[in-house]
Amino acid sequence: MCRSIKPLNNFQPPATQDEVYAAALQYVRKVAGTSKPSAANEQAFTEAVEAIAEATRELLDRLVTSAPPKDREVEAVKAKARAAQRYARSSSA
């Protein structure tokens, strides 16, 4: 999975439209193999991002869980700690 696509489910506050769109954009970029489509492919690329963003929002709206919502700030601190550990290991190799 693309590391820049972050989990969006079960957060307080819920994922924003911008976060959903960014995840859809990263997915389409990964699948298409390009970060910027050619002029000939731009419409297909844009439509794919919009369709995936819509499907993602629908999925997030329909998912249910008994787990308490995750706090965005706490999860961000955990992610930074994991990244620091990962990069410390890779630079010492």
PDB file of N, CA and C in Angstrom:
ATOM      1  N   MET A   1       0.846  -1.178   0.000  1.00  0.00           N
ATOM      2  CA  MET A   1       0.000   0.000   0.000  1.00  0.00           C
ATOM      3  C   MET A   1       0.889   1.238   0.000  1.00  0.00           C
ATOM      4  N   CYS A   2       0.422   2.250  -0.619  1.00  0.00           N
ATOM      5  CA  CYS A   2       1.156   3.506  -0.700  1.00  0.00           C
ATOM      6  C   CYS A   2       1.253   4.134   0.683  1.00  0.00           C
ATOM      7  N   ARG A   3       2.457   4.426   1.138  1.00  0.00           N
ATOM      8  CA  ARG A   3       2.638   4.969   2.485  1.00  0.00           C
ATOM      9  C   ARG A   3       1.974   6.319   2.685  1.00  0.00           C
ATOM     10  N   SER A   4       1.771   7.065   1.610  1.00  0.00           N
ATOM     11  CA  SER A   4       1.177   8.386   1.781  1.00  0.00           C
ATOM     12  C   SER A   4      -0.349   8.329   1.895  1.00  0.00           C
ATOM     13  N   ILE A   5      -0.945   7.163   1.705  1.00  0.00           N
ATOM     14  CA  ILE A   5      -2.378   7.012   1.916  1.00  0.00           C
ATOM     15  C   ILE A   5      -2.568   6.589   3.367  1.00  0.00           C
ATOM     16  N   LYS A   6      -3.211   7.431   4.144  1.00  0.00           N
ATOM     17  CA  LYS A   6      -3.387   7.202   5.574  1.00  0.00           C
ATOM     18  C   LYS A   6      -4.768   6.622   5.866  1.00  0.00           C
ATOM     19  N   PRO A   7      -4.868   5.774   6.901  1.00  0.00           N
ATOM     20  CA  PRO A   7      -6.191   5.306   7.311  1.00  0.00           C
ATOM     21  C   PRO A   7      -7.077   6.502   7.670  1.00  0.00           C
ATOM     22  N   LEU A   8      -8.336   6.431   7.291  1.00  0.00           N
ATOM     23  CA  LEU A   8      -9.257   7.538   7.524  1.00  0.00           C
ATOM     24  C   LEU A   8     -10.438   7.159   8.411  1.00  0.00           C
ATOM     25  N   ASN A   9     -10.575   5.881   8.728  1.00  0.00           N
ATOM     26  CA  ASN A   9     -11.738   5.426   9.470  1.00  0.00           C
ATOM     27  C   ASN A   9     -11.551   5.567  10.983  1.00  0.00           C
ATOM     28  N   ASN A  10     -12.632   5.879  11.660  1.00  0.00           N
ATOM     29  CA  ASN A  10     -12.730   5.882  13.118  1.00  0.00           C
ATOM     30  C   ASN A  10     -11.832   6.920  13.778  1.00  0.00           C
ATOM     31  N   PHE A  11     -11.840   8.122  13.255  1.00  0.00           N
ATOM     32  CA  PHE A  11     -11.109   9.229  13.862  1.00  0.00           C
ATOM     33  C   PHE A  11     -12.093  10.260  14.385  1.00  0.00           C
ATOM     34  N   GLN A  12     -11.660  10.961  15.398  1.00  0.00           N
ATOM     35  CA  GLN A  12     -12.453  12.062  15.924  1.00  0.00           C
ATOM     36  C   GLN A  12     -11.608  13.316  15.821  1.00  0.00           C
ATOM     37  N   PRO A  13     -11.986  14.316  15.087  1.00  0.00           N
ATOM     38  CA  PRO A  13     -13.161  14.402  14.219  1.00  0.00           C
ATOM     39  C   PRO A  13     -12.990  13.526  12.974  1.00  0.00           C
ATOM     40  N   PRO A  14     -14.108  13.211  12.305  1.00  0.00           N
ATOM     41  CA  PRO A  14     -14.054  12.353  11.121  1.00  0.00           C
ATOM     42  C   PRO A  14     -13.201  12.958  10.004  1.00  0.00           C
ATOM     43  N   ALA A  15     -12.808  12.113   9.071  1.00  0.00           N
ATOM     44  CA  ALA A  15     -12.010  12.548   7.917  1.00  0.00           C
ATOM     45  C   ALA A  15     -12.728  13.646   7.155  1.00  0.00           C
ATOM     46  N   THR A  16     -11.959  14.611   6.705  1.00  0.00           N
ATOM     47  CA  THR A  16     -12.514  15.718   5.929  1.00  0.00           C
ATOM     48  C   THR A  16     -12.589  15.334   4.454  1.00  0.00           C
ATOM     49  N   GLN A  17     -13.331  16.130   3.699  1.00  0.00           N
ATOM     50  CA  GLN A  17     -13.394  15.911   2.253  1.00  0.00           C
ATOM     51  C   GLN A  17     -12.003  16.040   1.634  1.00  0.00           C
ATOM     52  N   ASP A  18     -11.197  16.970   2.138  1.00  0.00           N
ATOM     53  CA  ASP A  18      -9.840  17.143   1.619  1.00  0.00           C
ATOM     54  C   ASP A  18      -8.987  15.894   1.847  1.00  0.00           C
ATOM     55  N   GLU A  19      -9.124  15.272   3.018  1.00  0.00           N
ATOM     56  CA  GLU A  19      -8.365  14.049   3.304  1.00  0.00           C
ATOM     57  C   GLU A  19      -8.819  12.900   2.406  1.00  0.00           C
ATOM     58  N   VAL A  20     -10.112  12.797   2.197  1.00  0.00           N
ATOM     59  CA  VAL A  20     -10.657  11.752   1.321  1.00  0.00           C
ATOM     60  C   VAL A  20     -10.157  11.979  -0.103  1.00  0.00           C
ATOM     61  N   TYR A  21     -10.197  13.211  -0.571  1.00  0.00           N
ATOM     62  CA  TYR A  21      -9.743  13.531  -1.926  1.00  0.00           C
ATOM     63  C   TYR A  21      -8.245  13.240  -2.071  1.00  0.00           C
ATOM     64  N   ALA A  22      -7.451  13.608  -1.065  1.00  0.00           N
ATOM     65  CA  ALA A  22      -6.004  13.373  -1.120  1.00  0.00           C
ATOM     66  C   ALA A  22      -5.697  11.879  -1.195  1.00  0.00           C
ATOM     67  N   ALA A  23      -6.431  11.068  -0.451  1.00  0.00           N
ATOM     68  CA  ALA A  23      -6.227   9.620  -0.507  1.00  0.00           C
ATOM     69  C   ALA A  23      -6.599   9.079  -1.889  1.00  0.00           C
ATOM     70  N   ALA A  24      -7.705   9.558  -2.436  1.00  0.00           N
ATOM     71  CA  ALA A  24      -8.123   9.122  -3.773  1.00  0.00           C
ATOM     72  C   ALA A  24      -7.091   9.533  -4.820  1.00  0.00           C
ATOM     73  N   LEU A  25      -6.585  10.732  -4.714  1.00  0.00           N
ATOM     74  CA  LEU A  25      -5.569  11.222  -5.647  1.00  0.00           C
ATOM     75  C   LEU A  25      -4.304  10.369  -5.574  1.00  0.00           C
ATOM     76  N   GLN A  26      -3.850  10.045  -4.365  1.00  0.00           N
ATOM     77  CA  GLN A  26      -2.655   9.211  -4.218  1.00  0.00           C
ATOM     78  C   GLN A  26      -2.878   7.826  -4.803  1.00  0.00           C
ATOM     79  N   TYR A  27      -4.070   7.275  -4.594  1.00  0.00           N
ATOM     80  CA  TYR A  27      -4.390   5.960  -5.145  1.00  0.00           C
ATOM     81  C   TYR A  27      -4.335   5.990  -6.676  1.00  0.00           C
ATOM     82  N   VAL A  28      -4.971   6.969  -7.274  1.00  0.00           N
ATOM     83  CA  VAL A  28      -4.996   7.060  -8.743  1.00  0.00           C
ATOM     84  C   VAL A  28      -3.581   7.288  -9.280  1.00  0.00           C
ATOM     85  N   ARG A  29      -2.812   8.119  -8.621  1.00  0.00           N
ATOM     86  CA  ARG A  29      -1.422   8.336  -9.040  1.00  0.00           C
ATOM     87  C   ARG A  29      -0.638   7.026  -9.015  1.00  0.00           C
ATOM     88  N   LYS A  30      -0.823   6.246  -7.954  1.00  0.00           N
ATOM     89  CA  LYS A  30      -0.106   4.980  -7.826  1.00  0.00           C
ATOM     90  C   LYS A  30      -0.519   4.009  -8.927  1.00  0.00           C
ATOM     91  N   VAL A  31      -1.809   3.866  -9.130  1.00  0.00           N
ATOM     92  CA  VAL A  31      -2.319   2.934 -10.136  1.00  0.00           C
ATOM     93  C   VAL A  31      -1.923   3.368 -11.549  1.00  0.00           C
ATOM     94  N   ALA A  32      -2.002   4.677 -11.812  1.00  0.00           N
ATOM     95  CA  ALA A  32      -1.680   5.199 -13.141  1.00  0.00           C
ATOM     96  C   ALA A  32      -0.166   5.230 -13.394  1.00  0.00           C
ATOM     97  N   GLY A  33       0.609   5.231 -12.316  1.00  0.00           N
ATOM     98  CA  GLY A  33       2.055   5.257 -12.477  1.00  0.00           C
ATOM     99  C   GLY A  33       2.591   6.638 -12.812  1.00  0.00           C
ATOM    100  N   THR A  34       1.804   7.668 -12.526  1.00  0.00           N
ATOM    101  CA  THR A  34       2.237   9.028 -12.808  1.00  0.00           C
ATOM    102  C   THR A  34       1.596   9.993 -11.812  1.00  0.00           C
ATOM    103  N   SER A  35       2.299  11.051 -11.491  1.00  0.00           N
ATOM    104  CA  SER A  35       1.720  12.020 -10.569  1.00  0.00           C
ATOM    105  C   SER A  35       0.943  13.106 -11.303  1.00  0.00           C
ATOM    106  N   LYS A  36       1.221  13.256 -12.579  1.00  0.00           N
ATOM    107  CA  LYS A  36       0.498  14.245 -13.383  1.00  0.00           C
ATOM    108  C   LYS A  36       0.194  13.616 -14.740  1.00  0.00           C
ATOM    109  N   PRO A  37      -1.078  13.508 -15.078  1.00  0.00           N
ATOM    110  CA  PRO A  37      -1.428  12.874 -16.349  1.00  0.00           C
ATOM    111  C   PRO A  37      -1.134  13.790 -17.533  1.00  0.00           C
ATOM    112  N   SER A  38      -0.991  13.175 -18.680  1.00  0.00           N
ATOM    113  CA  SER A  38      -0.845  13.958 -19.911  1.00  0.00           C
ATOM    114  C   SER A  38      -2.183  14.636 -20.203  1.00  0.00           C
ATOM    115  N   ALA A  39      -2.153  15.601 -21.086  1.00  0.00           N
ATOM    116  CA  ALA A  39      -3.386  16.307 -21.455  1.00  0.00           C
ATOM    117  C   ALA A  39      -4.426  15.327 -22.002  1.00  0.00           C
ATOM    118  N   ALA A  40      -3.967  14.313 -22.719  1.00  0.00           N
ATOM    119  CA  ALA A  40      -4.882  13.336 -23.297  1.00  0.00           C
ATOM    120  C   ALA A  40      -5.575  12.489 -22.223  1.00  0.00           C
ATOM    121  N   ASN A  41      -4.928  12.326 -21.078  1.00  0.00           N
ATOM    122  CA  ASN A  41      -5.478  11.475 -20.017  1.00  0.00           C
ATOM    123  C   ASN A  41      -6.044  12.254 -18.833  1.00  0.00           C
ATOM    124  N   GLU A  42      -5.967  13.567 -18.874  1.00  0.00           N
ATOM    125  CA  GLU A  42      -6.356  14.368 -17.716  1.00  0.00           C
ATOM    126  C   GLU A  42      -7.808  14.168 -17.300  1.00  0.00           C
ATOM    127  N   GLN A  43      -8.726  14.112 -18.245  1.00  0.00           N
ATOM    128  CA  GLN A  43     -10.141  13.942 -17.896  1.00  0.00           C
ATOM    129  C   GLN A  43     -10.380  12.592 -17.240  1.00  0.00           C
ATOM    130  N   ALA A  44      -9.812  11.535 -17.790  1.00  0.00           N
ATOM    131  CA  ALA A  44      -9.980  10.198 -17.202  1.00  0.00           C
ATOM    132  C   ALA A  44      -9.386  10.156 -15.794  1.00  0.00           C
ATOM    133  N   PHE A  45      -8.228  10.772 -15.606  1.00  0.00           N
ATOM    134  CA  PHE A  45      -7.544  10.831 -14.321  1.00  0.00           C
ATOM    135  C   PHE A  45      -8.424  11.566 -13.299  1.00  0.00           C
ATOM    136  N   THR A  46      -8.934  12.733 -13.678  1.00  0.00           N
ATOM    137  CA  THR A  46      -9.773  13.540 -12.791  1.00  0.00           C
ATOM    138  C   THR A  46     -11.059  12.811 -12.430  1.00  0.00           C
ATOM    139  N   GLU A  47     -11.684  12.189 -13.410  1.00  0.00           N
ATOM    140  CA  GLU A  47     -12.924  11.450 -13.156  1.00  0.00           C
ATOM    141  C   GLU A  47     -12.677  10.267 -12.229  1.00  0.00           C
ATOM    142  N   ALA A  48     -11.539   9.602 -12.393  1.00  0.00           N
ATOM    143  CA  ALA A  48     -11.202   8.476 -11.520  1.00  0.00           C
ATOM    144  C   ALA A  48     -11.013   8.950 -10.084  1.00  0.00           C
ATOM    145  N   VAL A  49     -10.317  10.052  -9.898  1.00  0.00           N
ATOM    146  CA  VAL A  49     -10.110  10.600  -8.547  1.00  0.00           C
ATOM    147  C   VAL A  49     -11.457  10.926  -7.917  1.00  0.00           C
ATOM    148  N   GLU A  50     -12.337  11.574  -8.654  1.00  0.00           N
ATOM    149  CA  GLU A  50     -13.641  11.948  -8.116  1.00  0.00           C
ATOM    150  C   GLU A  50     -14.476  10.719  -7.767  1.00  0.00           C
ATOM    151  N   ALA A  51     -14.455   9.700  -8.622  1.00  0.00           N
ATOM    152  CA  ALA A  51     -15.230   8.479  -8.361  1.00  0.00           C
ATOM    153  C   ALA A  51     -14.687   7.743  -7.140  1.00  0.00           C
ATOM    154  N   ILE A  52     -13.384   7.673  -7.004  1.00  0.00           N
ATOM    155  CA  ILE A  52     -12.791   6.986  -5.860  1.00  0.00           C
ATOM    156  C   ILE A  52     -13.028   7.774  -4.582  1.00  0.00           C
ATOM    157  N   ALA A  53     -12.953   9.083  -4.643  1.00  0.00           N
ATOM    158  CA  ALA A  53     -13.242   9.908  -3.465  1.00  0.00           C
ATOM    159  C   ALA A  53     -14.691   9.697  -3.018  1.00  0.00           C
ATOM    160  N   GLU A  54     -15.613   9.641  -3.963  1.00  0.00           N
ATOM    161  CA  GLU A  54     -17.022   9.418  -3.634  1.00  0.00           C
ATOM    162  C   GLU A  54     -17.223   8.035  -3.019  1.00  0.00           C
ATOM    163  N   ALA A  55     -16.600   7.018  -3.603  1.00  0.00           N
ATOM    164  CA  ALA A  55     -16.720   5.659  -3.058  1.00  0.00           C
ATOM    165  C   ALA A  55     -16.084   5.578  -1.669  1.00  0.00           C
ATOM    166  N   THR A  56     -14.982   6.276  -1.473  1.00  0.00           N
ATOM    167  CA  THR A  56     -14.316   6.283  -0.170  1.00  0.00           C
ATOM    168  C   THR A  56     -15.191   6.943   0.881  1.00  0.00           C
ATOM    169  N   ARG A  57     -15.778   8.067   0.555  1.00  0.00           N
ATOM    170  CA  ARG A  57     -16.661   8.759   1.496  1.00  0.00           C
ATOM    171  C   ARG A  57     -17.844   7.874   1.855  1.00  0.00           C
ATOM    172  N   GLU A  58     -18.439   7.213   0.853  1.00  0.00           N
ATOM    173  CA  GLU A  58     -19.568   6.313   1.112  1.00  0.00           C
ATOM    174  C   GLU A  58     -19.137   5.169   2.032  1.00  0.00           C
ATOM    175  N   LEU A  59     -17.972   4.599   1.779  1.00  0.00           N
ATOM    176  CA  LEU A  59     -17.460   3.524   2.618  1.00  0.00           C
ATOM    177  C   LEU A  59     -17.276   4.006   4.061  1.00  0.00           C
ATOM    178  N   LEU A  60     -16.612   5.136   4.232  1.00  0.00           N
ATOM    179  CA  LEU A  60     -16.378   5.666   5.578  1.00  0.00           C
ATOM    180  C   LEU A  60     -17.688   5.949   6.305  1.00  0.00           C
ATOM    181  N   ASP A  61     -18.677   6.438   5.581  1.00  0.00           N
ATOM    182  CA  ASP A  61     -19.976   6.741   6.187  1.00  0.00           C
ATOM    183  C   ASP A  61     -20.719   5.481   6.625  1.00  0.00           C
ATOM    184  N   ARG A  62     -20.446   4.351   5.972  1.00  0.00           N
ATOM    185  CA  ARG A  62     -21.178   3.121   6.254  1.00  0.00           C
ATOM    186  C   ARG A  62     -20.464   2.187   7.227  1.00  0.00           C
ATOM    187  N   LEU A  63     -19.157   2.379   7.435  1.00  0.00           N
ATOM    188  CA  LEU A  63     -18.428   1.494   8.338  1.00  0.00           C
ATOM    189  C   LEU A  63     -18.885   1.694   9.782  1.00  0.00           C
ATOM    190  N   VAL A  64     -18.980   0.589  10.520  1.00  0.00           N
ATOM    191  CA  VAL A  64     -19.326   0.649  11.935  1.00  0.00           C
ATOM    192  C   VAL A  64     -18.248  -0.075  12.728  1.00  0.00           C
ATOM    193  N   THR A  65     -18.033   0.384  13.944  1.00  0.00           N
ATOM    194  CA  THR A  65     -17.057  -0.252  14.814  1.00  0.00           C
ATOM    195  C   THR A  65     -17.454  -0.028  16.260  1.00  0.00           C
ATOM    196  N   SER A  66     -17.055  -0.965  17.109  1.00  0.00           N
ATOM    197  CA  SER A  66     -17.305  -0.799  18.535  1.00  0.00           C
ATOM    198  C   SER A  66     -16.090  -0.178  19.227  1.00  0.00           C
ATOM    199  N   ALA A  67     -15.000  -0.003  18.482  1.00  0.00           N
ATOM    200  CA  ALA A  67     -13.792   0.602  19.043  1.00  0.00           C
ATOM    201  C   ALA A  67     -14.002   2.095  19.244  1.00  0.00           C
ATOM    202  N   PRO A  68     -13.410   2.640  20.289  1.00  0.00           N
ATOM    203  CA  PRO A  68     -13.537   4.094  20.484  1.00  0.00           C
ATOM    204  C   PRO A  68     -12.791   4.836  19.382  1.00  0.00           C
ATOM    205  N   PRO A  69     -13.257   6.027  19.003  1.00  0.00           N
ATOM    206  CA  PRO A  69     -12.568   6.787  17.955  1.00  0.00           C
ATOM    207  C   PRO A  69     -11.138   7.115  18.366  1.00  0.00           C
ATOM    208  N   LYS A  70     -10.251   7.106  17.375  1.00  0.00           N
ATOM    209  CA  LYS A  70      -8.844   7.437  17.612  1.00  0.00           C
ATOM    210  C   LYS A  70      -8.686   8.955  17.607  1.00  0.00           C
ATOM    211  N   ASP A  71      -7.792   9.421  18.436  1.00  0.00           N
ATOM    212  CA  ASP A  71      -7.481  10.844  18.517  1.00  0.00           C
ATOM    213  C   ASP A  71      -6.411  11.162  17.477  1.00  0.00           C
ATOM    214  N   ARG A  72      -6.669  12.120  16.618  1.00  0.00           N
ATOM    215  CA  ARG A  72      -5.736  12.454  15.537  1.00  0.00           C
ATOM    216  C   ARG A  72      -4.362  12.861  16.056  1.00  0.00           C
ATOM    217  N   GLU A  73      -4.334  13.648  17.113  1.00  0.00           N
ATOM    218  CA  GLU A  73      -3.057  14.126  17.631  1.00  0.00           C
ATOM    219  C   GLU A  73      -2.226  12.984  18.218  1.00  0.00           C
ATOM    220  N   VAL A  74      -2.867  12.089  18.943  1.00  0.00           N
ATOM    221  CA  VAL A  74      -2.162  10.942  19.523  1.00  0.00           C
ATOM    222  C   VAL A  74      -1.613  10.059  18.406  1.00  0.00           C
ATOM    223  N   GLU A  75      -2.421   9.805  17.388  1.00  0.00           N
ATOM    224  CA  GLU A  75      -1.977   8.963  16.273  1.00  0.00           C
ATOM    225  C   GLU A  75      -0.835   9.622  15.507  1.00  0.00           C
ATOM    226  N   ALA A  76      -0.858  10.946  15.375  1.00  0.00           N
ATOM    227  CA  ALA A  76       0.233  11.656  14.693  1.00  0.00           C
ATOM    228  C   ALA A  76       1.538  11.516  15.460  1.00  0.00           C
ATOM    229  N   VAL A  77       1.474  11.600  16.782  1.00  0.00           N
ATOM    230  CA  VAL A  77       2.680  11.429  17.604  1.00  0.00           C
ATOM    231  C   VAL A  77       3.228  10.013  17.435  1.00  0.00           C
ATOM    232  N   LYS A  78       2.350   9.013  17.440  1.00  0.00           N
ATOM    233  CA  LYS A  78       2.781   7.622  17.248  1.00  0.00           C
ATOM    234  C   LYS A  78       3.434   7.447  15.885  1.00  0.00           C
ATOM    235  N   ALA A  79       2.848   8.036  14.846  1.00  0.00           N
ATOM    236  CA  ALA A  79       3.393   7.919  13.489  1.00  0.00           C
ATOM    237  C   ALA A  79       4.775   8.566  13.401  1.00  0.00           C
ATOM    238  N   LYS A  80       4.957   9.713  14.033  1.00  0.00           N
ATOM    239  CA  LYS A  80       6.263  10.376  14.022  1.00  0.00           C
ATOM    240  C   LYS A  80       7.306   9.536  14.741  1.00  0.00           C
ATOM    241  N   ALA A  81       6.914   8.897  15.830  1.00  0.00           N
ATOM    242  CA  ALA A  81       7.837   8.031  16.569  1.00  0.00           C
ATOM    243  C   ALA A  81       8.234   6.821  15.723  1.00  0.00           C
ATOM    244  N   ARG A  82       7.264   6.225  15.016  1.00  0.00           N
ATOM    245  CA  ARG A  82       7.582   5.086  14.136  1.00  0.00           C
ATOM    246  C   ARG A  82       8.519   5.510  13.014  1.00  0.00           C
ATOM    247  N   ALA A  83       8.259   6.679  12.437  1.00  0.00           N
ATOM    248  CA  ALA A  83       9.102   7.172  11.346  1.00  0.00           C
ATOM    249  C   ALA A  83      10.515   7.451  11.845  1.00  0.00           C
ATOM    250  N   ALA A  84      10.635   8.054  13.019  1.00  0.00           N
ATOM    251  CA  ALA A  84      11.961   8.346  13.568  1.00  0.00           C
ATOM    252  C   ALA A  84      12.736   7.054  13.795  1.00  0.00           C
ATOM    253  N   GLN A  85      12.055   6.043  14.296  1.00  0.00           N
ATOM    254  CA  GLN A  85      12.712   4.752  14.532  1.00  0.00           C
ATOM    255  C   GLN A  85      13.097   4.098  13.203  1.00  0.00           C
ATOM    256  N   ARG A  86      12.215   4.149  12.225  1.00  0.00           N
ATOM    257  CA  ARG A  86      12.483   3.536  10.925  1.00  0.00           C
ATOM    258  C   ARG A  86      13.665   4.216  10.240  1.00  0.00           C
ATOM    259  N   TYR A  87      13.689   5.544  10.261  1.00  0.00           N
ATOM    260  CA  TYR A  87      14.760   6.255   9.592  1.00  0.00           C
ATOM    261  C   TYR A  87      16.072   6.165  10.357  1.00  0.00           C
ATOM    262  N   ALA A  88      16.001   6.022  11.668  1.00  0.00           N
ATOM    263  CA  ALA A  88      17.231   5.839  12.454  1.00  0.00           C
ATOM    264  C   ALA A  88      17.856   4.492  12.123  1.00  0.00           C
ATOM    265  N   ARG A  89      17.045   3.473  11.937  1.00  0.00           N
ATOM    266  CA  ARG A  89      17.552   2.146  11.564  1.00  0.00           C
ATOM    267  C   ARG A  89      18.149   2.149  10.162  1.00  0.00           C
ATOM    268  N   SER A  90      17.476   2.820   9.226  1.00  0.00           N
ATOM    269  CA  SER A  90      17.953   2.799   7.838  1.00  0.00           C
ATOM    270  C   SER A  90      19.224   3.616   7.673  1.00  0.00           C
ATOM    271  N   SER A  91      19.434   4.655   8.463  1.00  0.00           N
ATOM    272  CA  SER A  91      20.643   5.460   8.330  1.00  0.00           C
ATOM    273  C   SER A  91      21.836   4.802   9.007  1.00  0.00           C
ATOM    274  N   SER A  92      21.594   3.882   9.949  1.00  0.00           N
ATOM    275  CA  SER A  92      22.701   3.215  10.624  1.00  0.00           C
ATOM    276  C   SER A  92      23.150   1.951   9.897  1.00  0.00           C
ATOM    277  N   ALA A  93      22.409   1.549   8.883  1.00  0.00           N
ATOM    278  CA  ALA A  93      22.740   0.314   8.137  1.00  0.00           C
ATOM    279  C   ALA A  93      23.853   0.537   7.152  1.00  0.00           C
TER     280      ALA A  93
END
